[in-house]
Protein backbone atom coordinates (compact mmCIF):
# COMPACT_ATOMS: atom_id res chain seq x y z
CA MET A 1 197.18 93.29 -86.24
CA SER A 2 199.45 90.45 -85.50
CA ARG A 3 202.60 92.43 -84.56
CA GLY A 4 204.49 92.51 -81.31
CA LEU A 5 206.03 95.40 -79.21
CA ASN A 6 208.99 95.10 -77.16
CA LYS A 7 209.75 98.45 -76.03
CA VAL A 8 211.14 100.11 -72.75
CA GLN A 9 211.69 103.67 -71.74
CA ILE A 10 213.10 104.38 -68.04
CA ILE A 11 214.92 107.60 -66.73
CA GLY A 12 217.16 106.57 -63.81
CA HIS A 13 220.81 107.14 -62.16
CA LEU A 14 223.76 105.18 -63.39
CA GLY A 15 224.91 102.92 -60.22
CA LYS A 16 228.60 102.70 -61.95
CA ASP A 17 230.65 103.84 -64.63
CA PRO A 18 229.99 101.97 -67.90
CA GLU A 19 232.31 99.17 -68.81
CA MET A 20 232.92 98.66 -72.48
CA ARG A 21 234.63 95.67 -74.35
CA TYR A 22 234.81 93.87 -77.66
CA THR A 23 233.62 91.18 -79.37
CA PRO A 24 235.86 88.64 -80.95
CA SER A 25 234.88 90.27 -84.46
CA GLY A 26 235.94 94.03 -83.14
CA LYS A 27 232.34 94.95 -82.25
CA PRO A 28 232.13 97.39 -78.98
CA VAL A 29 229.82 96.58 -76.26
CA THR A 30 228.92 98.58 -73.62
CA THR A 31 227.16 97.35 -70.28
CA PHE A 32 226.09 99.62 -67.44
CA THR A 33 223.33 99.40 -64.75
CA VAL A 34 220.31 102.09 -64.17
CA ALA A 35 218.59 102.59 -60.79
CA VAL A 36 214.94 103.94 -61.32
CA SER A 37 213.31 104.94 -57.85
CA ARG A 38 210.12 105.73 -57.10
CA THR A 39 208.33 106.79 -53.64
CA TRP A 40 204.26 106.96 -53.13
CA ASN A 41 202.20 107.25 -49.94
CA SER A 42 200.27 104.66 -49.11
CA ALA A 43 196.54 105.05 -48.20
CA ASP A 44 197.50 105.34 -44.21
CA GLY A 45 200.27 108.07 -45.25
CA GLU A 46 203.03 106.10 -44.45
CA ARG A 47 205.78 106.90 -47.32
CA HIS A 48 207.23 104.29 -49.01
CA ASN A 49 210.49 104.26 -51.57
CA GLU A 50 211.44 101.49 -54.05
CA THR A 51 214.57 101.41 -56.29
CA GLU A 52 214.40 98.91 -59.46
CA TRP A 53 217.95 98.46 -61.20
CA PHE A 54 217.98 97.92 -64.76
CA ASN A 55 221.14 95.99 -66.59
CA VAL A 56 221.64 97.78 -70.02
CA VAL A 57 223.43 96.96 -72.93
CA ALA A 58 224.79 99.20 -75.85
CA TRP A 59 226.29 98.16 -79.45
CA GLY A 60 228.35 99.91 -81.67
CA THR A 61 228.79 103.57 -81.64
CA LEU A 62 226.14 103.99 -79.09
CA ALA A 63 228.00 102.09 -77.08
CA GLU A 64 231.27 104.12 -77.55
CA ILE A 65 228.98 107.08 -76.85
CA CYS A 66 228.05 105.56 -73.45
CA LYS A 67 231.34 104.76 -72.44
CA GLN A 68 232.95 107.96 -73.29
CA TYR A 69 230.05 110.53 -71.82
CA LEU A 70 228.28 108.90 -68.95
CA VAL A 71 229.54 108.76 -65.21
CA LYS A 72 228.43 107.22 -62.03
CA GLY A 73 225.30 109.17 -60.62
CA GLN A 74 224.27 110.62 -63.81
CA GLN A 75 220.80 110.58 -64.85
CA VAL A 76 219.86 109.40 -68.33
CA TYR A 77 217.25 108.31 -70.38
CA VAL A 78 216.97 104.94 -72.06
CA GLU A 79 215.06 103.48 -74.68
CA GLY A 80 215.53 99.93 -75.92
CA ARG A 81 214.00 96.38 -76.01
CA LEU A 82 214.11 93.85 -73.07
CA GLN A 83 215.87 90.80 -73.96
CA THR A 84 216.12 87.43 -71.89
CA ARG A 85 219.66 85.47 -71.69
CA ARG A 86 219.92 82.09 -70.64
CA TRP A 87 223.02 80.32 -70.12
CA ASP A 88 224.69 77.41 -68.07
CA ASP A 89 228.04 77.89 -65.93
CA LYS A 90 231.07 75.79 -65.74
CA GLU A 91 229.29 73.78 -63.15
CA GLY A 92 226.08 73.22 -65.06
CA ALA A 93 224.01 75.54 -62.90
CA LYS A 94 221.55 77.60 -65.07
CA HIS A 95 221.57 81.20 -65.02
CA THR A 96 219.08 83.87 -66.27
CA SER A 97 219.87 87.53 -67.02
CA VAL A 98 216.91 90.52 -68.10
CA GLU A 99 218.41 93.13 -69.94
CA ILE A 100 217.38 96.11 -72.01
CA VAL A 101 219.33 96.38 -75.27
CA ALA A 102 219.34 100.28 -75.84
CA ASN A 103 218.86 101.92 -79.08
CA GLU A 104 218.73 105.43 -77.53
CA MET A 105 220.46 107.38 -75.03
CA MET A 106 219.68 110.54 -73.78
CA MET A 107 221.93 112.46 -70.81
CA LEU A 108 219.96 114.28 -68.56
CA GLY A 109 221.09 117.24 -66.48
CA ASP A 110 224.28 119.18 -66.84
CA ARG A 111 227.93 117.71 -66.51
CA ARG A 112 228.46 119.46 -63.03
CA GLU A 113 225.26 117.75 -61.75
CA ALA A 114 226.37 114.31 -62.84
CA ASN A 115 230.07 115.19 -61.04
CA ASN A 116 228.05 116.54 -57.74
CA GLN A 117 225.81 113.40 -57.77
CA SER A 118 228.24 110.79 -58.06
CA ASP A 119 228.92 110.11 -54.41
CA ALA A 120 225.12 110.61 -53.99
CA SER A 121 222.91 107.27 -53.38
CA PRO A 122 220.91 106.77 -56.81
CA ALA A 123 217.98 105.39 -54.60
CA GLU A 124 216.90 109.06 -53.95
CA PRO A 125 215.11 111.38 -56.69
CA ALA A 126 217.82 113.92 -57.65
CA ASN A 127 215.66 116.82 -57.09
CA GLY A 128 214.49 115.61 -53.63
CA ALA A 129 210.68 115.64 -54.74
CA ALA A 130 208.61 112.65 -54.15
CA GLU A 131 206.18 111.16 -56.34
CA GLU A 132 202.50 110.55 -55.15
CA GLU A 133 200.72 107.91 -55.94
CA PHE A 134 197.39 108.35 -57.34
CA PRO A 135 194.17 105.72 -57.32
CA PHE A 136 193.55 105.51 -61.23
């Protein structure tokens, strides 16, 4: 089979409230960041934490839904594809950005939980449970 696959699924917490704008043609686009954390124990028993930040872009109706319902600190599931953008700034410096172009979003937890977590650090798991790394 010669088809390719570009699919990303993440579950994490919003780093800030989503920002929505409109293209010159009037199409809504919403951007937000999601922090995905993992915790593991090394072979010597030392606990490690790592947080990866993802830039997410949603278009059209999904953009409007994200702007209306998502808030900082809320846990969210995002599914989409990776996209790399390249551009030159006014001074001629080259820039690259990798983002998830969302085609599906699911709010996790309830609204009260999102409001309570808005001041919490997204680097910590919401339930406080640590994941173990298994050597397989």
